[in-house]
């Protein structure tokens, strides 16, 4: 073979090799750029993208990569981010998703996060769809936090931040379990604290009401303090008299102490001796109000009996001679204290009604025998007998201490004593006559 032909062949082989190499490189670049891949193009409209969002950045849905950023453009007020989604993941992405631009790390590049709503659409996203920016409250708060963090990071020197992070790393190294336990305790504390928030709110509300009450009472409080200052000045002015009073009280206290020390046994004996009396008074204490009330009710009746408020002062009574209770017989009528019926309060009969000799519960157990029954025939005879003796001074008994009055009084006393008139002593007229003279006597 001629030398020229061999040289040409080698050159042609070199050119072919270069072409093959360039083709492989081009194919690699095309493969990297996704020229041979089937993708679903969509776009995202955001207010701004920042400098950390680059082409080929990831597109994620709930942490799963579903595509990448193919380009970034701007039309003035709105930035457009072109996305290429994996066709195999299209069925998992609803048509009503929204987008967020989030950093991977504190200083890392951004990526596109597709946010699925709580009630997603049944249709999946299609090619050419325009995804809106997520404008929920959570997204706005997150964006505000990141926007506020950026100036801080720009103001902090990198070496200072690195030193701080290194110290924090060394401090937390090997203490993850302890930090976790502390976080668990904090979570329990916050959980228990949340249950007490209503009570805390009620206490704060009560404190507000308390403050309002004292605010309204402030003028009265100031006035009271002013009055207290007047009292304080008075005390200062009378301090000598107060000192004398305290000295006197001290002496009186000393005397009282000496008296009690000297008579302590007597006081104990007095208290012990008074116990039966006090117990009796305590037992009959329910009777006292009724007793004093009846005493008060007797005042008008006593005034009437004494002629108060009339032109006839004196005693105005109706004296009734009733059956006698008999004389006391030795061995039969011996005084005893057997009555133990307790406190009683019997009503006072109204005017014109005779009071019974015994209470409704029976006679008193005092040792006396029951009284004898009177002679009713004698009562009728005496009541119907006309007055004897001379009539004088407007009375049917005759002259004072006259025989007629003596016979009349003897008849009355005989009825009450259950004996004959001749057995009534003559001196009875001297004792009973003044009581009966000029009065109306009713025999029962």
Foldseek 3Di string as FASTA:
>chain_A
DDPVVVVVVVVVVVVVVVVVVVVVVVVVVCVVLQVVPDWFKEKEKDQDQDDQQDWQAFEDEPRHTFWTWHDWADDPRIIMTMITGHPVCQQVAAQQWAWDWAAPDLPHGTHIYTYADPDGDNHTHGHHYYHYHDPDPVRVVVVVVSVVVVVVVVPDDPVVVVVVVVVVCVVCPPCPVVVVVVVVVVVVVVVVVVVCVVVVVVVVVVVVVVVVVCVVCVVVVVVVVVVVVVVVVVCVVCVVVVVVVVVVVVVVVVVVVVVCVVCVVVVVVVVVVCVVVVVLCVQQVVQVVLVVVVVVVCVVVVCVQQVPPHPDGGGNDADEQEAAQADDDPPQQDFDQPFDPTHDHDDDDDPPDDDDPDDPVDHGPGRHDGGDDFDPVLLVVLVPDFQDDDDPPNWSQYDQLDPSVQQNVLSSVCRRHVHDSVPDDSCVSVVCVVVPTPHDYDYD
